[in-house]
N, C-alpha and C. Protein backbone atom coordinates (compact mmCIF):
# COMPACT_ATOMS: atom_id res chain seq x y z
N MET A 1 12.62 -33.43 7.89
CA MET A 1 11.70 -32.89 8.88
C MET A 1 12.49 -32.57 10.15
N ASP A 2 12.29 -31.38 10.69
CA ASP A 2 13.01 -31.05 11.92
C ASP A 2 12.39 -31.77 13.12
N LYS A 3 13.11 -31.76 14.23
CA LYS A 3 12.69 -32.52 15.42
C LYS A 3 11.33 -32.08 15.94
N LYS A 4 11.09 -30.77 15.99
CA LYS A 4 9.82 -30.30 16.54
C LYS A 4 8.65 -30.68 15.63
N ALA A 5 8.84 -30.57 14.33
CA ALA A 5 7.79 -30.98 13.39
C ALA A 5 7.54 -32.49 13.48
N HIS A 6 8.61 -33.25 13.64
CA HIS A 6 8.48 -34.70 13.78
C HIS A 6 7.73 -35.03 15.08
N ALA A 7 8.05 -34.31 16.14
CA ALA A 7 7.38 -34.50 17.43
C ALA A 7 5.88 -34.23 17.29
N LYS A 8 5.53 -33.14 16.63
CA LYS A 8 4.13 -32.77 16.45
C LYS A 8 3.40 -33.81 15.60
N HIS A 9 4.06 -34.30 14.57
CA HIS A 9 3.48 -35.34 13.73
C HIS A 9 3.14 -36.58 14.57
N ASN A 10 4.08 -37.01 15.41
CA ASN A 10 3.84 -38.17 16.27
C ASN A 10 2.76 -37.88 17.31
N GLU A 11 2.74 -36.66 17.82
CA GLU A 11 1.72 -36.28 18.80
C GLU A 11 0.33 -36.32 18.15
N ASP A 12 0.22 -35.83 16.94
CA ASP A 12 -1.06 -35.88 16.22
C ASP A 12 -1.51 -37.33 16.02
N ALA A 13 -0.58 -38.20 15.68
CA ALA A 13 -0.90 -39.63 15.53
C ALA A 13 -1.35 -40.21 16.87
N CYS A 14 -0.68 -39.83 17.93
CA CYS A 14 -1.03 -40.28 19.28
C CYS A 14 -2.47 -39.91 19.60
N GLU A 15 -2.82 -38.66 19.36
CA GLU A 15 -4.18 -38.18 19.64
C GLU A 15 -5.21 -38.92 18.78
N PHE A 16 -4.90 -39.12 17.53
CA PHE A 16 -5.80 -39.84 16.62
C PHE A 16 -6.04 -41.26 17.11
N LEU A 17 -4.96 -41.94 17.46
CA LEU A 17 -5.06 -43.32 17.92
C LEU A 17 -5.77 -43.42 19.27
N LEU A 18 -5.56 -42.45 20.13
CA LEU A 18 -6.24 -42.43 21.42
C LEU A 18 -7.75 -42.32 21.23
N LYS A 19 -8.16 -41.43 20.32
CA LYS A 19 -9.60 -41.27 20.04
C LYS A 19 -10.19 -42.53 19.43
N ASP A 20 -9.42 -43.22 18.59
CA ASP A 20 -9.89 -44.46 17.98
C ASP A 20 -10.15 -45.52 19.04
N GLY A 21 -9.23 -45.64 20.01
CA GLY A 21 -9.41 -46.55 21.13
C GLY A 21 -9.00 -48.00 20.90
N ASN A 22 -8.56 -48.33 19.69
CA ASN A 22 -8.23 -49.73 19.40
C ASN A 22 -6.75 -50.06 19.37
N TYR A 23 -5.90 -49.06 19.50
CA TYR A 23 -4.47 -49.29 19.35
C TYR A 23 -3.70 -48.65 20.51
N CYS A 24 -4.02 -49.09 21.70
CA CYS A 24 -3.43 -48.47 22.89
C CYS A 24 -1.91 -48.61 22.92
N ASP A 25 -1.38 -49.71 22.41
CA ASP A 25 0.07 -49.87 22.35
C ASP A 25 0.71 -48.80 21.47
N TRP A 26 0.04 -48.43 20.39
CA TRP A 26 0.56 -47.40 19.49
C TRP A 26 0.36 -46.01 20.06
N VAL A 27 -0.63 -45.82 20.91
CA VAL A 27 -0.76 -44.53 21.61
C VAL A 27 0.48 -44.32 22.47
N VAL A 28 0.85 -45.34 23.23
CA VAL A 28 2.04 -45.26 24.08
C VAL A 28 3.29 -45.04 23.24
N THR A 29 3.41 -45.77 22.16
CA THR A 29 4.59 -45.67 21.29
C THR A 29 4.71 -44.29 20.66
N THR A 30 3.61 -43.77 20.12
CA THR A 30 3.67 -42.45 19.50
C THR A 30 3.86 -41.35 20.54
N ALA A 31 3.33 -41.53 21.74
CA ALA A 31 3.56 -40.55 22.81
C ALA A 31 5.05 -40.51 23.16
N PHE A 32 5.66 -41.68 23.27
CA PHE A 32 7.09 -41.71 23.59
C PHE A 32 7.93 -41.09 22.48
N TYR A 33 7.68 -41.46 21.24
CA TYR A 33 8.51 -40.92 20.16
C TYR A 33 8.27 -39.43 19.94
N SER A 34 7.08 -38.97 20.24
CA SER A 34 6.84 -37.53 20.23
C SER A 34 7.69 -36.87 21.31
N ALA A 35 7.67 -37.45 22.51
CA ALA A 35 8.49 -36.92 23.61
C ALA A 35 9.97 -36.92 23.25
N LEU A 36 10.43 -37.99 22.65
CA LEU A 36 11.85 -38.09 22.25
C LEU A 36 12.23 -36.92 21.35
N HIS A 37 11.42 -36.65 20.35
CA HIS A 37 11.75 -35.57 19.42
C HIS A 37 11.60 -34.20 20.08
N TYR A 38 10.60 -34.04 20.95
CA TYR A 38 10.46 -32.77 21.66
C TYR A 38 11.68 -32.50 22.55
N VAL A 39 12.13 -33.50 23.30
CA VAL A 39 13.26 -33.24 24.20
C VAL A 39 14.56 -33.05 23.43
N GLN A 40 14.74 -33.76 22.35
CA GLN A 40 15.96 -33.55 21.56
C GLN A 40 15.94 -32.16 20.93
N HIS A 41 14.77 -31.69 20.52
CA HIS A 41 14.65 -30.33 20.00
C HIS A 41 14.96 -29.31 21.11
N GLU A 42 14.51 -29.60 22.31
CA GLU A 42 14.74 -28.71 23.45
C GLU A 42 16.22 -28.61 23.81
N ILE A 43 16.89 -29.72 23.80
CA ILE A 43 18.28 -29.78 24.29
C ILE A 43 19.29 -29.29 23.26
N PHE A 44 19.08 -29.61 22.02
CA PHE A 44 20.08 -29.30 20.99
C PHE A 44 19.60 -28.23 20.05
N PRO A 45 20.52 -27.39 19.56
CA PRO A 45 21.97 -27.39 19.82
C PRO A 45 22.26 -26.94 21.25
N ARG A 46 23.40 -27.41 21.78
CA ARG A 46 23.75 -27.14 23.17
C ARG A 46 25.25 -27.24 23.36
N ASP A 47 25.77 -26.35 24.23
CA ASP A 47 27.14 -26.47 24.70
C ASP A 47 27.12 -27.27 25.99
N ILE A 48 27.88 -28.35 26.00
CA ILE A 48 27.97 -29.20 27.19
C ILE A 48 29.44 -29.38 27.49
N ASN A 49 29.82 -28.96 28.69
CA ASN A 49 31.23 -29.05 29.12
C ASN A 49 32.17 -28.40 28.11
N GLY A 50 31.76 -27.24 27.58
CA GLY A 50 32.59 -26.47 26.68
C GLY A 50 32.63 -26.98 25.24
N LYS A 51 31.83 -27.97 24.92
CA LYS A 51 31.80 -28.52 23.57
C LYS A 51 30.43 -28.30 22.97
N ASN A 52 30.39 -27.85 21.72
CA ASN A 52 29.12 -27.59 21.05
C ASN A 52 28.62 -28.85 20.35
N TYR A 53 27.37 -29.16 20.60
CA TYR A 53 26.71 -30.28 19.95
C TYR A 53 25.48 -29.74 19.22
N PRO A 54 25.48 -29.76 17.90
CA PRO A 54 24.34 -29.23 17.15
C PRO A 54 23.11 -30.13 17.20
N ASN A 55 23.32 -31.42 17.48
CA ASN A 55 22.20 -32.36 17.51
C ASN A 55 22.55 -33.56 18.38
N PHE A 56 21.54 -34.37 18.64
CA PHE A 56 21.74 -35.54 19.50
C PHE A 56 22.74 -36.52 18.91
N GLU A 57 22.66 -36.76 17.62
CA GLU A 57 23.55 -37.74 16.99
C GLU A 57 25.02 -37.39 17.22
N LYS A 58 25.35 -36.13 17.02
CA LYS A 58 26.74 -35.70 17.23
C LYS A 58 27.12 -35.85 18.70
N TYR A 59 26.22 -35.46 19.59
CA TYR A 59 26.46 -35.63 21.03
C TYR A 59 26.72 -37.09 21.37
N TYR A 60 25.85 -37.96 20.94
CA TYR A 60 25.96 -39.37 21.26
C TYR A 60 27.26 -39.97 20.72
N ASN A 61 27.54 -39.70 19.46
CA ASN A 61 28.74 -40.27 18.84
C ASN A 61 30.03 -39.75 19.46
N GLU A 62 30.07 -38.48 19.82
CA GLU A 62 31.30 -37.92 20.39
C GLU A 62 31.40 -38.11 21.89
N HIS A 63 30.30 -37.97 22.58
CA HIS A 63 30.32 -38.09 24.05
C HIS A 63 30.71 -39.50 24.49
N TYR A 64 30.27 -40.48 23.75
CA TYR A 64 30.55 -41.87 24.14
C TYR A 64 31.62 -42.53 23.28
N ALA A 65 32.34 -41.77 22.48
CA ALA A 65 33.40 -42.33 21.63
C ALA A 65 34.42 -43.06 22.49
N GLY A 66 34.66 -44.30 22.16
CA GLY A 66 35.64 -45.11 22.86
C GLY A 66 35.19 -45.63 24.21
N SER A 67 33.96 -45.37 24.59
CA SER A 67 33.46 -45.83 25.89
C SER A 67 33.12 -47.31 25.86
N HIS A 68 33.55 -48.00 26.91
CA HIS A 68 33.23 -49.43 27.02
C HIS A 68 31.85 -49.64 27.63
N ASN A 69 31.32 -48.60 28.26
CA ASN A 69 30.00 -48.68 28.91
C ASN A 69 29.00 -47.78 28.19
N LYS A 70 29.03 -47.79 26.89
CA LYS A 70 28.18 -46.93 26.07
C LYS A 70 26.72 -47.37 26.20
N PRO A 71 25.85 -46.49 26.71
CA PRO A 71 24.43 -46.85 26.77
C PRO A 71 23.81 -46.78 25.38
N ASN A 72 22.66 -47.42 25.22
CA ASN A 72 21.99 -47.27 23.94
C ASN A 72 21.47 -45.83 23.83
N LYS A 73 21.02 -45.46 22.65
CA LYS A 73 20.61 -44.08 22.41
C LYS A 73 19.41 -43.68 23.28
N HIS A 74 18.50 -44.60 23.54
CA HIS A 74 17.35 -44.27 24.37
C HIS A 74 17.77 -43.97 25.81
N ILE A 75 18.64 -44.79 26.37
CA ILE A 75 19.10 -44.56 27.74
C ILE A 75 19.92 -43.27 27.80
N SER A 76 20.71 -43.02 26.79
CA SER A 76 21.47 -41.77 26.73
C SER A 76 20.53 -40.57 26.75
N THR A 77 19.42 -40.67 26.01
CA THR A 77 18.44 -39.57 26.00
C THR A 77 17.78 -39.44 27.36
N VAL A 78 17.42 -40.54 28.00
CA VAL A 78 16.85 -40.49 29.36
C VAL A 78 17.80 -39.73 30.27
N ASN A 79 19.08 -40.05 30.21
CA ASN A 79 20.07 -39.41 31.08
C ASN A 79 20.24 -37.93 30.80
N ILE A 80 20.28 -37.56 29.54
CA ILE A 80 20.50 -36.15 29.21
C ILE A 80 19.26 -35.31 29.51
N VAL A 81 18.08 -35.92 29.44
CA VAL A 81 16.86 -35.18 29.83
C VAL A 81 16.97 -34.78 31.30
N LYS A 82 17.43 -35.69 32.13
CA LYS A 82 17.56 -35.39 33.56
C LYS A 82 18.57 -34.27 33.79
N SER A 83 19.71 -34.35 33.15
CA SER A 83 20.76 -33.36 33.40
C SER A 83 20.49 -32.01 32.74
N GLU A 84 19.82 -31.99 31.60
CA GLU A 84 19.66 -30.75 30.86
C GLU A 84 18.27 -30.11 30.97
N ILE A 85 17.25 -30.88 31.31
CA ILE A 85 15.91 -30.30 31.43
C ILE A 85 15.43 -30.34 32.88
N GLY A 86 15.70 -31.43 33.60
CA GLY A 86 15.34 -31.49 35.01
C GLY A 86 14.60 -32.74 35.41
N ASP A 87 14.45 -32.89 36.73
CA ASP A 87 13.87 -34.10 37.30
C ASP A 87 12.43 -34.36 36.88
N GLN A 88 11.60 -33.33 36.86
CA GLN A 88 10.19 -33.56 36.54
C GLN A 88 10.01 -33.99 35.09
N ALA A 89 10.73 -33.35 34.19
CA ALA A 89 10.69 -33.77 32.79
C ALA A 89 11.22 -35.20 32.68
N HIS A 90 12.29 -35.46 33.40
CA HIS A 90 12.91 -36.78 33.38
C HIS A 90 11.93 -37.86 33.84
N GLN A 91 11.18 -37.61 34.89
CA GLN A 91 10.23 -38.60 35.40
C GLN A 91 9.18 -38.96 34.35
N ASN A 92 8.65 -37.95 33.68
CA ASN A 92 7.65 -38.21 32.65
C ASN A 92 8.26 -38.90 31.44
N TYR A 93 9.44 -38.45 31.05
CA TYR A 93 10.10 -39.04 29.89
C TYR A 93 10.48 -40.49 30.15
N GLU A 94 11.04 -40.75 31.31
CA GLU A 94 11.46 -42.11 31.64
C GLU A 94 10.25 -43.05 31.73
N TRP A 95 9.14 -42.55 32.26
CA TRP A 95 7.91 -43.35 32.33
C TRP A 95 7.45 -43.72 30.92
N LEU A 96 7.42 -42.73 30.03
CA LEU A 96 7.02 -43.00 28.65
C LEU A 96 7.96 -44.00 27.98
N TYR A 97 9.25 -43.86 28.21
CA TYR A 97 10.24 -44.78 27.64
C TYR A 97 9.96 -46.21 28.11
N GLY A 98 9.80 -46.39 29.41
CA GLY A 98 9.57 -47.73 29.95
C GLY A 98 8.31 -48.37 29.41
N LEU A 99 7.25 -47.59 29.34
CA LEU A 99 5.98 -48.11 28.83
C LEU A 99 6.07 -48.44 27.34
N CYS A 100 6.78 -47.62 26.60
CA CYS A 100 6.94 -47.88 25.17
C CYS A 100 7.70 -49.19 24.95
N MET A 101 8.75 -49.41 25.71
CA MET A 101 9.52 -50.65 25.54
C MET A 101 8.64 -51.86 25.85
N THR A 102 7.78 -51.74 26.86
CA THR A 102 6.85 -52.83 27.18
C THR A 102 5.84 -53.02 26.05
N ALA A 103 5.24 -51.93 25.60
CA ALA A 103 4.21 -52.02 24.57
C ALA A 103 4.77 -52.54 23.25
N ARG A 104 5.98 -52.15 22.91
CA ARG A 104 6.54 -52.55 21.62
C ARG A 104 7.17 -53.93 21.64
N TYR A 105 7.80 -54.31 22.74
CA TYR A 105 8.63 -55.51 22.71
C TYR A 105 8.16 -56.64 23.62
N ARG A 106 7.27 -56.36 24.58
CA ARG A 106 6.87 -57.43 25.48
C ARG A 106 5.39 -57.79 25.38
N ASN A 107 4.55 -56.76 25.29
CA ASN A 107 3.12 -57.04 25.32
C ASN A 107 2.36 -55.90 24.66
N TYR A 108 1.87 -56.16 23.48
CA TYR A 108 1.16 -55.10 22.75
C TYR A 108 -0.22 -54.81 23.35
N LYS A 109 -0.71 -55.65 24.25
CA LYS A 109 -2.04 -55.47 24.84
C LYS A 109 -1.96 -54.47 25.98
N THR A 110 -1.99 -53.22 25.63
CA THR A 110 -1.89 -52.13 26.59
C THR A 110 -3.29 -51.71 27.02
N HIS A 111 -3.47 -51.55 28.31
CA HIS A 111 -4.77 -51.16 28.85
C HIS A 111 -5.11 -49.72 28.43
N PRO A 112 -6.36 -49.43 28.12
CA PRO A 112 -6.74 -48.07 27.74
C PRO A 112 -6.36 -47.00 28.78
N PHE A 113 -6.39 -47.35 30.06
CA PHE A 113 -5.97 -46.41 31.10
C PHE A 113 -4.52 -45.98 30.88
N ILE A 114 -3.67 -46.93 30.51
CA ILE A 114 -2.26 -46.63 30.27
C ILE A 114 -2.11 -45.72 29.05
N ALA A 115 -2.90 -45.96 28.03
CA ALA A 115 -2.85 -45.11 26.83
C ALA A 115 -3.22 -43.67 27.19
N VAL A 116 -4.27 -43.50 27.96
CA VAL A 116 -4.69 -42.16 28.39
C VAL A 116 -3.59 -41.52 29.22
N GLU A 117 -2.99 -42.29 30.12
CA GLU A 117 -1.92 -41.76 30.97
C GLU A 117 -0.70 -41.37 30.14
N ALA A 118 -0.39 -42.14 29.11
CA ALA A 118 0.75 -41.81 28.24
C ALA A 118 0.52 -40.46 27.57
N ALA A 119 -0.68 -40.24 27.06
CA ALA A 119 -0.99 -38.95 26.43
C ALA A 119 -0.88 -37.81 27.44
N LYS A 120 -1.33 -38.05 28.67
CA LYS A 120 -1.22 -37.03 29.73
C LYS A 120 0.24 -36.76 30.08
N ARG A 121 1.05 -37.81 30.15
CA ARG A 121 2.47 -37.64 30.48
C ARG A 121 3.19 -36.85 29.40
N LEU A 122 2.82 -37.07 28.16
CA LEU A 122 3.41 -36.29 27.07
C LEU A 122 3.07 -34.81 27.26
N GLN A 123 1.83 -34.51 27.55
CA GLN A 123 1.43 -33.11 27.76
C GLN A 123 2.13 -32.51 28.97
N ARG A 124 2.26 -33.29 30.04
CA ARG A 124 2.97 -32.82 31.23
C ARG A 124 4.43 -32.54 30.91
N LEU A 125 5.06 -33.45 30.18
CA LEU A 125 6.46 -33.26 29.79
C LEU A 125 6.64 -31.96 29.02
N LYS A 126 5.73 -31.68 28.12
CA LYS A 126 5.83 -30.48 27.30
C LYS A 126 5.80 -29.20 28.14
N THR A 127 5.21 -29.24 29.32
CA THR A 127 5.16 -28.03 30.16
C THR A 127 6.54 -27.66 30.69
N TYR A 128 7.48 -28.58 30.67
CA TYR A 128 8.84 -28.29 31.15
C TYR A 128 9.78 -27.85 30.03
N LEU A 129 9.26 -27.75 28.82
CA LEU A 129 10.08 -27.36 27.68
C LEU A 129 9.88 -25.89 27.37
N LYS A 130 10.94 -25.24 26.93
CA LYS A 130 10.89 -23.81 26.64
C LYS A 130 10.77 -23.52 25.15
N LYS A 131 11.31 -24.38 24.30
CA LYS A 131 11.34 -24.14 22.86
C LYS A 131 10.05 -24.57 22.20
């Protein structure tokens, strides 16, 4: 499945779960993973500093090869969204990332307001994408 199709699949799940109203943590999670696939589809393939990267995996593996301060893949994506798409996309993406980490790893009891906001942030993020 390509990145954009995967993003849409997660977005559809996000909408379904939001309407259900019982799985707010999964609304946040699916909104974030939809955003992740949308931004990776937007950015790649890409020439960065004269080097061609057909996908995120190749970028991550080559860009940070031998680095002692290698960020995890999520932080790397947060950073590249800022540099390659812009500040407004970055703000929405970083917000979704932070909320997803909380919902998945710290507290699955996500307030319905946060679930609604996550879905809105995903839609806002998409307005900054061209592909």
